Structure formats: structure tokens, C-alpha cells
Amino acid sequence: SGNMVQLKVEDNGKGYDYRQSYGKQSFGMQLLQVFVKQL
């Protein structure tokens, strides 16, 4: 919309969160943070 791009991924699961379930230093969370930073 305009210059803003919005990407959303959602599920109806048990409500996990990388930062809560796997810790801030989990490999998956690190990857996600790198990709978000590059964007």
C-alpha cells in the first residue's frame, strides 16, 4: 500500500514464539533477525 510492504505469516497453533520457546540466540531467531535487518 503506497510505499509500505506488509508480509504476515500466522498460524492457529499453540502460540509459540522464537524468543520465548527457543531463546534469543536460537539459530532460527538469528536467521529471522538477519533477514529482517537486510530488508
Full PDB file with SEQRES, HELIX, SHEET, SSBOND, CRYST1, ORIGX, SCALE, CONECT and MASTER records, all heavy atoms in Angstrom:
SEQRES   1 A   39  SER GLY ASN MET VAL GLN LEU LYS VAL GLU ASP ASN GLY          
SEQRES   2 A   39  LYS GLY TYR ASP TYR ARG GLN SER TYR GLY LYS GLN SER          
SEQRES   3 A   39  PHE GLY MET GLN LEU LEU GLN VAL PHE VAL LYS GLN LEU          
HELIX    1 AA1 TYR A   18  TYR A   22  3                                   5    
HELIX    2 AA2 PHE A   27  GLN A   38  1                                  12    
CRYST1    1.000    1.000    1.000  90.00  90.00  90.00 P 1           1          
ORIGX1      1.000000  0.000000  0.000000        0.00000                         
ORIGX2      0.000000  1.000000  0.000000        0.00000                         
ORIGX3      0.000000  0.000000  1.000000        0.00000                         
SCALE1      1.000000  0.000000  0.000000        0.00000                         
SCALE2      0.000000  1.000000  0.000000        0.00000                         
SCALE3      0.000000  0.000000  1.000000        0.00000                         
ATOM      1  N   SER A   1       0.853  -1.177   0.000  1.00  0.00           N  
ATOM      2  CA  SER A   1       0.000   0.000   0.000  1.00  0.00           C  
ATOM      3  C   SER A   1       0.891   1.229   0.000  1.00  0.00           C  
ATOM      4  O   SER A   1       1.617   1.481   0.968  1.00  0.00           O  
ATOM      5  CB  SER A   1      -0.914   0.001   1.228  1.00  0.00           C  
ATOM      6  OG  SER A   1      -1.720   1.166   1.254  1.00  0.00           O  
ATOM      7  N   GLY A   2       0.857   1.971  -1.099  1.00  0.00           N  
ATOM      8  CA  GLY A   2       1.788   3.083  -1.238  1.00  0.00           C  
ATOM      9  C   GLY A   2       3.211   2.557  -1.317  1.00  0.00           C  
ATOM     10  O   GLY A   2       3.528   1.717  -2.147  1.00  0.00           O  
ATOM     11  N   ASN A   3       4.066   3.041  -0.428  1.00  0.00           N  
ATOM     12  CA  ASN A   3       5.450   2.572  -0.379  1.00  0.00           C  
ATOM     13  C   ASN A   3       5.671   1.499   0.692  1.00  0.00           C  
ATOM     14  O   ASN A   3       6.791   1.016   0.844  1.00  0.00           O  
ATOM     15  CB  ASN A   3       6.397   3.747  -0.111  1.00  0.00           C  
ATOM     16  CG  ASN A   3       6.394   4.749  -1.238  1.00  0.00           C  
ATOM     17  OD1 ASN A   3       6.308   4.375  -2.406  1.00  0.00           O  
ATOM     18  ND2 ASN A   3       6.469   6.034  -0.905  1.00  0.00           N  
ATOM     19  N   MET A   4       4.621   1.143   1.425  1.00  0.00           N  
ATOM     20  CA  MET A   4       4.763   0.195   2.531  1.00  0.00           C  
ATOM     21  C   MET A   4       4.383  -1.218   2.085  1.00  0.00           C  
ATOM     22  O   MET A   4       3.292  -1.438   1.562  1.00  0.00           O  
ATOM     23  CB  MET A   4       3.894   0.613   3.716  1.00  0.00           C  
ATOM     24  CG  MET A   4       3.970  -0.314   4.913  1.00  0.00           C  
ATOM     25  SD  MET A   4       5.629  -0.372   5.646  1.00  0.00           S  
ATOM     26  CE  MET A   4       5.742   1.290   6.333  1.00  0.00           C  
ATOM     27  N   VAL A   5       5.295  -2.152   2.306  1.00  0.00           N  
ATOM     28  CA  VAL A   5       5.039  -3.558   2.020  1.00  0.00           C  
ATOM     29  C   VAL A   5       4.824  -4.279   3.345  1.00  0.00           C  
ATOM     30  O   VAL A   5       5.573  -4.070   4.305  1.00  0.00           O  
ATOM     31  CB  VAL A   5       6.210  -4.200   1.253  1.00  0.00           C  
ATOM     32  CG1 VAL A   5       5.946  -5.690   1.031  1.00  0.00           C  
ATOM     33  CG2 VAL A   5       6.433  -3.492  -0.074  1.00  0.00           C  
ATOM     34  N   GLN A   6       3.793  -5.115   3.399  1.00  0.00           N  
ATOM     35  CA  GLN A   6       3.459  -5.843   4.621  1.00  0.00           C  
ATOM     36  C   GLN A   6       3.431  -7.338   4.329  1.00  0.00           C  
ATOM     37  O   GLN A   6       2.698  -7.802   3.456  1.00  0.00           O  
ATOM     38  CB  GLN A   6       2.105  -5.391   5.161  1.00  0.00           C  
ATOM     39  CG  GLN A   6       1.633  -6.151   6.393  1.00  0.00           C  
ATOM     40  CD  GLN A   6       0.325  -5.624   6.920  1.00  0.00           C  
ATOM     41  OE1 GLN A   6       0.212  -4.470   7.330  1.00  0.00           O  
ATOM     42  NE2 GLN A   6      -0.708  -6.451   6.904  1.00  0.00           N  
ATOM     43  N   LEU A   7       4.257  -8.079   5.056  1.00  0.00           N  
ATOM     44  CA  LEU A   7       4.303  -9.531   4.962  1.00  0.00           C  
ATOM     45  C   LEU A   7       3.878 -10.105   6.312  1.00  0.00           C  
ATOM     46  O   LEU A   7       4.427  -9.739   7.345  1.00  0.00           O  
ATOM     47  CB  LEU A   7       5.719  -9.995   4.616  1.00  0.00           C  
ATOM     48  CG  LEU A   7       6.050 -11.485   4.798  1.00  0.00           C  
ATOM     49  CD1 LEU A   7       5.171 -12.345   3.906  1.00  0.00           C  
ATOM     50  CD2 LEU A   7       7.522 -11.741   4.523  1.00  0.00           C  
ATOM     51  N   LYS A   8       2.887 -11.012   6.283  1.00  0.00           N  
ATOM     52  CA  LYS A   8       2.388 -11.592   7.528  1.00  0.00           C  
ATOM     53  C   LYS A   8       2.260 -13.099   7.368  1.00  0.00           C  
ATOM     54  O   LYS A   8       1.701 -13.594   6.387  1.00  0.00           O  
ATOM     55  CB  LYS A   8       1.028 -10.991   7.879  1.00  0.00           C  
ATOM     56  CG  LYS A   8       0.528 -11.368   9.277  1.00  0.00           C  
ATOM     57  CD  LYS A   8      -0.756 -10.615   9.606  1.00  0.00           C  
ATOM     58  CE  LYS A   8      -1.215 -10.879  11.035  1.00  0.00           C  
ATOM     59  NZ  LYS A   8      -2.457 -10.152  11.363  1.00  0.00           N  
ATOM     60  N   VAL A   9       2.804 -13.827   8.335  1.00  0.00           N  
ATOM     61  CA  VAL A   9       2.680 -15.287   8.388  1.00  0.00           C  
ATOM     62  C   VAL A   9       2.091 -15.630   9.751  1.00  0.00           C  
ATOM     63  O   VAL A   9       2.657 -15.289  10.788  1.00  0.00           O  
ATOM     64  CB  VAL A   9       4.045 -15.981   8.199  1.00  0.00           C  
ATOM     65  CG1 VAL A   9       3.877 -17.500   8.290  1.00  0.00           C  
ATOM     66  CG2 VAL A   9       4.672 -15.595   6.867  1.00  0.00           C  
ATOM     67  N   GLU A  10       0.935 -16.307   9.744  1.00  0.00           N  
ATOM     68  CA  GLU A  10       0.268 -16.620  11.002  1.00  0.00           C  
ATOM     69  C   GLU A  10      -0.278 -18.043  10.978  1.00  0.00           C  
ATOM     70  O   GLU A  10      -0.553 -18.606   9.916  1.00  0.00           O  
ATOM     71  CB  GLU A  10      -0.867 -15.628  11.275  1.00  0.00           C  
ATOM     72  CG  GLU A  10      -1.861 -15.488  10.147  1.00  0.00           C  
ATOM     73  CD  GLU A  10      -2.836 -14.347  10.377  1.00  0.00           C  
ATOM     74  OE1 GLU A  10      -3.324 -14.203  11.522  1.00  0.00           O  
ATOM     75  OE2 GLU A  10      -3.113 -13.611   9.422  1.00  0.00           O  
ATOM     76  N   ASP A  11      -0.399 -18.629  12.181  1.00  0.00           N  
ATOM     77  CA  ASP A  11      -0.963 -19.975  12.297  1.00  0.00           C  
ATOM     78  C   ASP A  11      -1.904 -20.024  13.494  1.00  0.00           C  
ATOM     79  O   ASP A  11      -1.950 -19.107  14.314  1.00  0.00           O  
ATOM     80  CB  ASP A  11       0.147 -21.022  12.423  1.00  0.00           C  
ATOM     81  CG  ASP A  11       0.992 -20.839  13.680  1.00  0.00           C  
ATOM     82  OD1 ASP A  11       0.422 -20.836  14.785  1.00  0.00           O  
ATOM     83  OD2 ASP A  11       2.235 -20.697  13.559  1.00  0.00           O  
ATOM     84  N   ASN A  12      -2.675 -21.101  13.574  1.00  0.00           N  
ATOM     85  CA  ASN A  12      -3.622 -21.283  14.686  1.00  0.00           C  
ATOM     86  C   ASN A  12      -3.102 -22.285  15.709  1.00  0.00           C  
ATOM     87  O   ASN A  12      -3.872 -22.957  16.394  1.00  0.00           O  
ATOM     88  CB  ASN A  12      -4.980 -21.761  14.148  1.00  0.00           C  
ATOM     89  CG  ASN A  12      -4.910 -23.169  13.565  1.00  0.00           C  
ATOM     90  OD1 ASN A  12      -3.847 -23.593  13.095  1.00  0.00           O  
ATOM     91  ND2 ASN A  12      -6.024 -23.892  13.586  1.00  0.00           N  
ATOM     92  N   GLY A  13      -1.779 -22.384  15.804  1.00  0.00           N  
ATOM     93  CA  GLY A  13      -1.156 -23.360  16.694  1.00  0.00           C  
ATOM     94  C   GLY A  13      -1.162 -22.944  18.145  1.00  0.00           C  
ATOM     95  O   GLY A  13      -1.954 -22.108  18.584  1.00  0.00           O  
ATOM     96  N   LYS A  14      -0.213 -23.469  18.877  1.00  0.00           N  
ATOM     97  CA  LYS A  14      -0.212 -23.310  20.335  1.00  0.00           C  
ATOM     98  C   LYS A  14       0.381 -21.996  20.815  1.00  0.00           C  
ATOM     99  O   LYS A  14       0.554 -21.789  22.013  1.00  0.00           O  
ATOM    100  CB  LYS A  14       0.542 -24.471  20.975  1.00  0.00           C  
ATOM    101  CG  LYS A  14       1.997 -24.594  20.521  1.00  0.00           C  
ATOM    102  CD  LYS A  14       2.633 -25.825  21.151  1.00  0.00           C  
ATOM    103  CE  LYS A  14       4.086 -25.973  20.733  1.00  0.00           C  
ATOM    104  NZ  LYS A  14       4.715 -27.164  21.329  1.00  0.00           N  
ATOM    105  N   GLY A  15       0.718 -21.109  19.901  1.00  0.00           N  
ATOM    106  CA  GLY A  15       1.152 -19.781  20.315  1.00  0.00           C  
ATOM    107  C   GLY A  15       2.602 -19.705  20.719  1.00  0.00           C  
ATOM    108  O   GLY A  15       2.942 -19.051  21.692  1.00  0.00           O  
ATOM    109  N   TYR A  16       3.473 -20.386  19.970  1.00  0.00           N  
ATOM    110  CA  TYR A  16       4.888 -20.334  20.297  1.00  0.00           C  
ATOM    111  C   TYR A  16       5.503 -19.053  19.742  1.00  0.00           C  
ATOM    112  O   TYR A  16       4.938 -18.386  18.880  1.00  0.00           O  
ATOM    113  CB  TYR A  16       5.624 -21.546  19.708  1.00  0.00           C  
ATOM    114  CG  TYR A  16       5.866 -21.440  18.222  1.00  0.00           C  
ATOM    115  CD1 TYR A  16       7.099 -21.011  17.731  1.00  0.00           C  
ATOM    116  CD2 TYR A  16       4.859 -21.757  17.305  1.00  0.00           C  
ATOM    117  CE1 TYR A  16       7.322 -20.897  16.380  1.00  0.00           C  
ATOM    118  CE2 TYR A  16       5.082 -21.643  15.955  1.00  0.00           C  
ATOM    119  CZ  TYR A  16       6.307 -21.214  15.488  1.00  0.00           C  
ATOM    120  OH  TYR A  16       6.515 -21.091  14.143  1.00  0.00           O  
ATOM    121  N   ASP A  17       6.651 -18.706  20.243  1.00  0.00           N  
ATOM    122  CA  ASP A  17       7.398 -17.536  19.773  1.00  0.00           C  
ATOM    123  C   ASP A  17       8.873 -17.899  19.829  1.00  0.00           C  
ATOM    124  O   ASP A  17       9.346 -18.432  20.832  1.00  0.00           O  
ATOM    125  CB  ASP A  17       7.098 -16.330  20.684  1.00  0.00           C  
ATOM    126  CG  ASP A  17       7.804 -15.056  20.239  1.00  0.00           C  
ATOM    127  OD1 ASP A  17       8.699 -15.141  19.381  1.00  0.00           O  
ATOM    128  OD2 ASP A  17       7.475 -13.988  20.775  1.00  0.00           O  
ATOM    129  N   TYR A  18       9.603 -17.620  18.779  1.00  0.00           N  
ATOM    130  CA  TYR A  18      11.047 -17.890  18.784  1.00  0.00           C  
ATOM    131  C   TYR A  18      11.690 -17.401  20.071  1.00  0.00           C  
ATOM    132  O   TYR A  18      12.443 -18.087  20.738  1.00  0.00           O  
ATOM    133  CB  TYR A  18      11.727 -17.168  17.619  1.00  0.00           C  
ATOM    134  CG  TYR A  18      11.643 -17.862  16.294  1.00  0.00           C  
ATOM    135  CD1 TYR A  18      11.228 -17.172  15.169  1.00  0.00           C  
ATOM    136  CD2 TYR A  18      12.017 -19.197  16.153  1.00  0.00           C  
ATOM    137  CE1 TYR A  18      11.169 -17.786  13.930  1.00  0.00           C  
ATOM    138  CE2 TYR A  18      11.958 -19.818  14.924  1.00  0.00           C  
ATOM    139  CZ  TYR A  18      11.535 -19.112  13.816  1.00  0.00           C  
ATOM    140  OH  TYR A  18      11.469 -19.715  12.611  1.00  0.00           O  
ATOM    141  N   ARG A  19      11.381 -16.168  20.433  1.00  0.00           N  
ATOM    142  CA  ARG A  19      12.066 -15.556  21.572  1.00  0.00           C  
ATOM    143  C   ARG A  19      11.656 -16.186  22.900  1.00  0.00           C  
ATOM    144  O   ARG A  19      12.405 -16.174  23.857  1.00  0.00           O  
ATOM    145  CB  ARG A  19      11.780 -14.049  21.574  1.00  0.00           C  
ATOM    146  CG  ARG A  19      12.505 -13.325  20.463  1.00  0.00           C  
ATOM    147  CD  ARG A  19      11.998 -11.924  20.252  1.00  0.00           C  
ATOM    148  NE  ARG A  19      10.637 -11.925  19.727  1.00  0.00           N  
ATOM    149  CZ  ARG A  19      10.051 -10.837  19.235  1.00  0.00           C  
ATOM    150  NH1 ARG A  19      10.700  -9.692  19.218  1.00  0.00           N  
ATOM    151  NH2 ARG A  19       8.837 -10.886  18.762  1.00  0.00           N  
ATOM    152  N   GLN A  20      10.457 -16.736  22.952  1.00  0.00           N  
ATOM    153  CA  GLN A  20      10.004 -17.367  24.185  1.00  0.00           C  
ATOM    154  C   GLN A  20      10.369 -18.846  24.233  1.00  0.00           C  
ATOM    155  O   GLN A  20      10.792 -19.361  25.258  1.00  0.00           O  
ATOM    156  CB  GLN A  20       8.481 -17.214  24.301  1.00  0.00           C  
ATOM    157  CG  GLN A  20       8.030 -15.765  24.459  1.00  0.00           C  
ATOM    158  CD  GLN A  20       6.516 -15.644  24.435  1.00  0.00           C  
ATOM    159  OE1 GLN A  20       5.810 -16.644  24.418  1.00  0.00           O  
ATOM    160  NE2 GLN A  20       6.022 -14.416  24.434  1.00  0.00           N  
ATOM    161  N   SER A  21      10.194 -19.550  23.093  1.00  0.00           N  
ATOM    162  CA  SER A  21      10.356 -21.002  23.090  1.00  0.00           C  
ATOM    163  C   SER A  21      11.788 -21.448  22.864  1.00  0.00           C  
ATOM    164  O   SER A  21      12.209 -22.486  23.356  1.00  0.00           O  
ATOM    165  CB  SER A  21       9.458 -21.617  22.007  1.00  0.00           C  
ATOM    166  OG  SER A  21       8.113 -21.276  22.232  1.00  0.00           O  
ATOM    167  N   TYR A  22      12.558 -20.683  22.084  1.00  0.00           N  
ATOM    168  CA  TYR A  22      13.879 -21.151  21.695  1.00  0.00           C  
ATOM    169  C   TYR A  22      15.005 -20.219  22.132  1.00  0.00           C  
ATOM    170  O   TYR A  22      16.164 -20.500  21.891  1.00  0.00           O  
ATOM    171  CB  TYR A  22      13.924 -21.339  20.171  1.00  0.00           C  
ATOM    172  CG  TYR A  22      12.783 -22.180  19.694  1.00  0.00           C  
ATOM    173  CD1 TYR A  22      11.752 -21.614  18.981  1.00  0.00           C  
ATOM    174  CD2 TYR A  22      12.713 -23.535  20.019  1.00  0.00           C  
ATOM    175  CE1 TYR A  22      10.673 -22.380  18.575  1.00  0.00           C  
ATOM    176  CE2 TYR A  22      11.638 -24.300  19.619  1.00  0.00           C  
ATOM    177  CZ  TYR A  22      10.622 -23.723  18.891  1.00  0.00           C  
ATOM    178  OH  TYR A  22       9.563 -24.467  18.496  1.00  0.00           O  
ATOM    179  N   GLY A  23      14.655 -19.106  22.748  1.00  0.00           N  
ATOM    180  CA  GLY A  23      15.694 -18.225  23.242  1.00  0.00           C  
ATOM    181  C   GLY A  23      16.146 -17.241  22.177  1.00  0.00           C  
ATOM    182  O   GLY A  23      16.054 -17.496  20.985  1.00  0.00           O  
ATOM    183  N   LYS A  24      16.648 -16.118  22.625  1.00  0.00           N  
ATOM    184  CA  LYS A  24      17.046 -15.075  21.693  1.00  0.00           C  
ATOM    185  C   LYS A  24      18.200 -15.498  20.808  1.00  0.00           C  
ATOM    186  O   LYS A  24      18.407 -14.947  19.735  1.00  0.00           O  
ATOM    187  CB  LYS A  24      17.408 -13.800  22.470  1.00  0.00           C  
ATOM    188  CG  LYS A  24      16.216 -13.143  23.151  1.00  0.00           C  
ATOM    189  CD  LYS A  24      16.607 -11.827  23.790  1.00  0.00           C  
ATOM    190  CE  LYS A  24      15.397 -11.134  24.410  1.00  0.00           C  
ATOM    191  NZ  LYS A  24      15.745  -9.832  25.019  1.00  0.00           N  
ATOM    192  N   GLN A  25      19.009 -16.464  21.236  1.00  0.00           N  
ATOM    193  CA  GLN A  25      20.169 -16.862  20.452  1.00  0.00           C  
ATOM    194  C   GLN A  25      19.912 -18.127  19.629  1.00  0.00           C  
ATOM    195  O   GLN A  25      20.853 -18.733  19.127  1.00  0.00           O  
ATOM    196  CB  GLN A  25      21.364 -17.072  21.377  1.00  0.00           C  
ATOM    197  CG  GLN A  25      21.780 -15.819  22.142  1.00  0.00           C  
ATOM    198  CD  GLN A  25      22.039 -14.648  21.228  1.00  0.00           C  
ATOM    199  OE1 GLN A  25      22.714 -14.790  20.214  1.00  0.00           O  
ATOM    200  NE2 GLN A  25      21.517 -13.482  21.580  1.00  0.00           N  
ATOM    201  N   SER A  26      18.653 -18.567  19.510  1.00  0.00           N  
ATOM    202  CA  SER A  26      18.370 -19.739  18.681  1.00  0.00           C  
ATOM    203  C   SER A  26      18.757 -19.436  17.239  1.00  0.00           C  
ATOM    204  O   SER A  26      18.698 -18.300  16.779  1.00  0.00           O  
ATOM    205  CB  SER A  26      16.889 -20.107  18.762  1.00  0.00           C  
ATOM    206  OG  SER A  26      16.107 -19.133  18.101  1.00  0.00           O  
ATOM    207  N   PHE A  27      19.137 -20.478  16.515  1.00  0.00           N  
ATOM    208  CA  PHE A  27      19.576 -20.304  15.129  1.00  0.00           C  
ATOM    209  C   PHE A  27      18.447 -19.736  14.270  1.00  0.00           C  
ATOM    210  O   PHE A  27      18.663 -18.844  13.444  1.00  0.00           O  
ATOM    211  CB  PHE A  27      20.061 -21.644  14.576  1.00  0.00           C  
ATOM    212  CG  PHE A  27      20.592 -21.551  13.178  1.00  0.00           C  
ATOM    213  CD1 PHE A  27      21.733 -20.818  12.888  1.00  0.00           C  
ATOM    214  CD2 PHE A  27      19.937 -22.194  12.136  1.00  0.00           C  
ATOM    215  CE1 PHE A  27      22.220 -20.725  11.593  1.00  0.00           C  
ATOM    216  CE2 PHE A  27      20.422 -22.117  10.838  1.00  0.00           C  
ATOM    217  CZ  PHE A  27      21.569 -21.376  10.558  1.00  0.00           C  
ATOM    218  N   GLY A  28      17.230 -20.249  14.471  1.00  0.00           N  
ATOM    219  CA  GLY A  28      16.100 -19.757  13.689  1.00  0.00           C  
ATOM    220  C   GLY A  28      15.839 -18.282  13.927  1.00  0.00           C  
ATOM    221  O   GLY A  28      15.583 -17.523  12.997  1.00  0.00           O  
ATOM    222  N   MET A  29      15.910 -17.848  15.191  1.00  0.00           N  
ATOM    223  CA  MET A  29      15.677 -16.444  15.504  1.00  0.00           C  
ATOM    224  C   MET A  29      16.785 -15.564  14.950  1.00  0.00           C  
ATOM    225  O   MET A  29      16.540 -14.468  14.447  1.00  0.00           O  
ATOM    226  CB  MET A  29      15.576 -16.256  17.022  1.00  0.00           C  
ATOM    227  CG  MET A  29      15.100 -14.870  17.430  1.00  0.00           C  
ATOM    228  SD  MET A  29      13.445 -14.539  16.807  1.00  0.00           S  
ATOM    229  CE  MET A  29      13.361 -12.761  17.013  1.00  0.00           C  
ATOM    230  N   GLN A  30      18.011 -16.045  15.023  1.00  0.00           N  
ATOM    231  CA  GLN A  30      19.127 -15.283  14.454  1.00  0.00           C  
ATOM    232  C   GLN A  30      18.949 -15.090  12.952  1.00  0.00           C  
ATOM    233  O   GLN A  30      19.161 -14.001  12.414  1.00  0.00           O  
ATOM    234  CB  GLN A  30      20.446 -16.005  14.739  1.00  0.00           C  
ATOM    235  CG  GLN A  30      20.872 -15.969  16.198  1.00  0.00           C  
ATOM    236  CD  GLN A  30      22.177 -16.710  16.409  1.00  0.00           C  
ATOM    237  OE1 GLN A  30      23.137 -16.520  15.688  1.00  0.00           O  
ATOM    238  NE2 GLN A  30      22.203 -17.585  17.410  1.00  0.00           N  
ATOM    239  N   LEU A  31      18.549 -16.169  12.256  1.00  0.00           N  
ATOM    240  CA  LEU A  31      18.316 -16.064  10.818  1.00  0.00           C  
ATOM    241  C   LEU A  31      17.215 -15.054  10.514  1.00  0.00           C  
ATOM    242  O   LEU A  31      17.350 -14.209   9.626  1.00  0.00           O  
ATOM    243  CB  LEU A  31      17.939 -17.423  10.236  1.00  0.00           C  
ATOM    244  CG  LEU A  31      19.058 -18.414   9.956  1.00  0.00           C  
ATOM    245  CD1 LEU A  31      18.478 -19.696   9.382  1.00  0.00           C  
ATOM    246  CD2 LEU A  31      20.076 -17.822   8.971  1.00  0.00           C  
ATOM    247  N   LEU A  32      16.106 -15.164  11.239  1.00  0.00           N  
ATOM    248  CA  LEU A  32      14.981 -14.261  11.014  1.00  0.00           C  
ATOM    249  C   LEU A  32      15.398 -12.804  11.218  1.00  0.00           C  
ATOM    250  O   LEU A  32      15.051 -11.921  10.418  1.00  0.00           O  
ATOM    251  CB  LEU A  32      13.831 -14.624  11.951  1.00  0.00           C  
ATOM    252  CG  LEU A  32      12.550 -13.801  11.789  1.00  0.00           C  
ATOM    253  CD1 LEU A  32      11.965 -13.984  10.402  1.00  0.00           C  
ATOM    254  CD2 LEU A  32      11.527 -14.186  12.858  1.00  0.00           C  
ATOM    255  N   GLN A  33      16.163 -12.545  12.265  1.00  0.00           N  
ATOM    256  CA  GLN A  33      16.618 -11.187  12.543  1.00  0.00           C  
ATOM    257  C   GLN A  33      17.541 -10.673  11.436  1.00  0.00           C  
ATOM    258  O   GLN A  33      17.474  -9.503  11.048  1.00  0.00           O  
ATOM    259  CB  GLN A  33      17.318 -11.138  13.896  1.00  0.00           C  
ATOM    260  CG  GLN A  33      16.372 -11.319  15.079  1.00  0.00           C  
ATOM    261  CD  GLN A  33      17.105 -11.417  16.405  1.00  0.00           C  
ATOM    262  OE1 GLN A  33      18.281 -11.751  16.462  1.00  0.00           O  
ATOM    263  NE2 GLN A  33      16.394 -11.138  17.485  1.00  0.00           N  
ATOM    264  N   VAL A  34      18.391 -11.545  10.907  1.00  0.00           N  
ATOM    265  CA  VAL A  34      19.285 -11.153   9.810  1.00  0.00           C  
ATOM    266  C   VAL A  34      18.471 -10.788   8.571  1.00  0.00           C  
ATOM    267  O   VAL A  34      18.714  -9.752   7.932  1.00  0.00           O  
ATOM    268  CB  VAL A  34      20.272 -12.289   9.481  1.00  0.00           C  
ATOM    269  CG1 VAL A  34      21.001 -12.002   8.166  1.00  0.00           C  
ATOM    270  CG2 VAL A  34      21.290 -12.440  10.606  1.00  0.00           C  
ATOM    271  N   PHE A  35      17.485 -11.625   8.221  1.00  0.00           N  
ATOM    272  CA  PHE A  35      16.681 -11.366   7.027  1.00  0.00           C  
ATOM    273  C   PHE A  35      15.882 -10.072   7.169  1.00  0.00           C  
ATOM    274  O   PHE A  35      15.787  -9.277   6.227  1.00  0.00           O  
ATOM    275  CB  PHE A  35      15.721 -12.534   6.766  1.00  0.00           C  
ATOM    276  CG  PHE A  35      16.412 -13.860   6.567  1.00  0.00           C  
ATOM    277  CD1 PHE A  35      15.776 -15.051   6.912  1.00  0.00           C  
ATOM    278  CD2 PHE A  35      17.699 -13.919   6.047  1.00  0.00           C  
ATOM    279  CE1 PHE A  35      16.403 -16.270   6.725  1.00  0.00           C  
ATOM    280  CE2 PHE A  35      18.345 -15.133   5.871  1.00  0.00           C  
ATOM    281  CZ  PHE A  35      17.696 -16.308   6.206  1.00  0.00           C  
ATOM    282  N   VAL A  36      15.304  -9.857   8.352  1.00  0.00           N  
ATOM    283  CA  VAL A  36      14.531  -8.641   8.605  1.00  0.00           C  
ATOM    284  C   VAL A  36      15.431  -7.417   8.527  1.00  0.00           C  
ATOM    285  O   VAL A  36      15.061  -6.376   7.957  1.00  0.00           O  
ATOM    286  CB  VAL A  36      13.834  -8.725   9.974  1.00  0.00           C  
ATOM    287  CG1 VAL A  36      13.243  -7.371  10.369  1.00  0.00           C  
ATOM    288  CG2 VAL A  36      12.734  -9.778   9.950  1.00  0.00           C  
ATOM    289  N   LYS A  37      16.624  -7.542   9.064  1.00  0.00           N  
ATOM    290  CA  LYS A  37      17.569  -6.420   9.034  1.00  0.00           C  
ATOM    291  C   LYS A  37      17.965  -6.080   7.604  1.00  0.00           C  
ATOM    292  O   LYS A  37      18.084  -4.900   7.245  1.00  0.00           O  
ATOM    293  CB  LYS A  37      18.813  -6.767   9.858  1.00  0.00           C  
ATOM    294  CG  LYS A  37      19.816  -5.629   9.948  1.00  0.00           C  
ATOM    295  CD  LYS A  37      21.002  -6.012  10.830  1.00  0.00           C  
ATOM    296  CE  LYS A  37      22.009  -4.870  10.923  1.00  0.00           C  
ATOM    297  NZ  LYS A  37      23.167  -5.236  11.789  1.00  0.00           N  
ATOM    298  N   GLN A  38      18.169  -7.086   6.772  1.00  0.00           N  
ATOM    299  CA  GLN A  38      18.542  -6.837   5.380  1.00  0.00           C  
ATOM    300  C   GLN A  38      17.427  -6.107   4.634  1.00  0.00           C  
ATOM    301  O   GLN A  38      17.699  -5.336   3.710  1.00  0.00           O  
ATOM    302  CB  GLN A  38      18.869  -8.161   4.683  1.00  0.00           C  
ATOM    303  CG  GLN A  38      20.140  -8.829   5.171  1.00  0.00           C  
ATOM    304  CD  GLN A  38      21.373  -7.974   4.954  1.00  0.00           C  
ATOM    305  OE1 GLN A  38      21.527  -7.344   3.910  1.00  0.00           O  
ATOM    306  NE2 GLN A  38      22.245  -7.934   5.937  1.00  0.00           N  
ATOM    307  N   LEU A  39      16.193  -6.346   5.019  1.00  0.00           N  
ATOM    308  CA  LEU A  39      15.065  -5.641   4.392  1.00  0.00           C  
ATOM    309  C   LEU A  39      14.856  -4.251   4.994  1.00  0.00           C  
ATOM    310  O   LEU A  39      14.010  -3.497   4.512  1.00  0.00           O  
ATOM    311  CB  LEU A  39      13.781  -6.454   4.580  1.00  0.00           C  
ATOM    312  CG  LEU A  39      13.564  -7.656   3.666  1.00  0.00           C  
ATOM    313  CD1 LEU A  39      12.314  -8.427   4.107  1.00  0.00           C  
ATOM    314  CD2 LEU A  39      13.424  -7.231   2.216  1.00  0.00           C  
TER     315      LEU A  39                                                      
MASTER        0    0    0    2    0    0    0    6  314    1    0    3          
END                                                                             
